[in-house]
Amino acid sequence: MKPQLQDKDVVTVEEAINLFSLSRRKFYALIKEDGLDFLVRYYGNRKLIIREAFAKYLMMHPELRKR
């Protein structure tokens, strides 16, 4: 049985966009930046988001959310 999205510790970019109701354009622009503590890169370009660290980041940057 697959874990529910809200129970995962690490999510894909698409899952993060859906889980946190984010602006797709702003989020993709954000993850191009270096030094983000919630972003894990592996196998080249594949990116994963650390859910708890990203939730904390969003508290400080609410402009990423859809209006």
Protein backbone atom coordinates (compact mmCIF):
# COMPACT_ATOMS: atom_id res chain seq x y z
CA MET A 1 0.00 0.00 0.00
CA LYS A 2 1.40 3.40 -1.03
CA PRO A 3 1.75 6.07 1.66
CA GLN A 4 -0.63 9.01 1.47
CA LEU A 5 0.85 12.24 0.11
CA GLN A 6 0.53 14.07 3.44
CA ASP A 7 2.38 11.21 5.19
CA LYS A 8 5.48 11.30 2.95
CA ASP A 9 8.69 12.90 4.23
CA VAL A 10 10.01 13.55 0.72
CA VAL A 11 7.82 14.48 -2.26
CA THR A 12 8.35 15.12 -5.96
CA VAL A 13 8.07 18.59 -7.43
CA GLU A 14 4.58 17.87 -8.79
CA GLU A 15 3.45 16.42 -5.46
CA ALA A 16 4.71 19.53 -3.63
CA ILE A 17 2.82 21.80 -6.02
CA ASN A 18 -0.41 19.88 -5.40
CA LEU A 19 0.08 19.34 -1.66
CA PHE A 20 0.82 22.98 -0.88
CA SER A 21 -1.43 24.58 -3.58
CA LEU A 22 1.46 26.41 -5.19
CA SER A 23 1.84 28.56 -8.26
CA ARG A 24 3.57 26.25 -10.73
CA ARG A 25 5.45 29.09 -12.46
CA LYS A 26 6.77 30.62 -9.23
CA PHE A 27 7.75 27.23 -7.82
CA TYR A 28 9.74 26.18 -10.90
CA ALA A 29 11.52 29.56 -10.85
CA LEU A 30 12.32 29.05 -7.17
CA ILE A 31 13.88 25.61 -7.50
CA LYS A 32 16.34 26.91 -10.09
CA GLU A 33 18.07 28.80 -7.25
CA ASP A 34 21.07 27.35 -5.42
CA GLY A 35 21.33 26.71 -1.69
CA LEU A 36 17.74 25.75 -0.92
CA ASP A 37 17.75 23.57 2.19
CA PHE A 38 14.50 21.79 1.29
CA LEU A 39 15.61 20.64 -2.18
CA VAL A 40 17.43 17.37 -2.85
CA ARG A 41 18.86 16.70 -6.30
CA TYR A 42 19.82 13.25 -7.43
CA TYR A 43 20.36 11.28 -10.64
CA GLY A 44 21.10 14.40 -12.62
CA ASN A 45 18.08 16.66 -12.85
CA ARG A 46 15.59 14.78 -10.68
CA LYS A 47 14.54 16.87 -7.70
CA LEU A 48 12.82 15.90 -4.46
CA ILE A 49 11.39 18.21 -1.82
CA ILE A 50 11.81 17.62 1.93
CA ARG A 51 8.22 18.24 3.00
CA GLU A 52 8.79 19.51 6.55
CA ALA A 53 11.65 21.86 5.58
CA PHE A 54 9.61 23.20 2.67
CA ALA A 55 6.57 23.81 4.91
CA LYS A 56 8.79 25.96 7.14
CA TYR A 57 10.12 27.80 4.08
CA LEU A 58 6.55 28.52 2.92
CA MET A 59 5.68 30.08 6.27
CA MET A 60 8.36 32.68 5.55
CA HIS A 61 7.49 33.02 1.82
CA PRO A 62 3.67 32.87 1.39
CA GLU A 63 3.88 34.59 -2.01
CA LEU A 64 4.49 31.19 -3.63
CA ARG A 65 0.95 30.05 -2.93
CA LYS A 66 -1.85 30.46 -5.46
CA ARG A 67 -4.15 33.39 -4.88
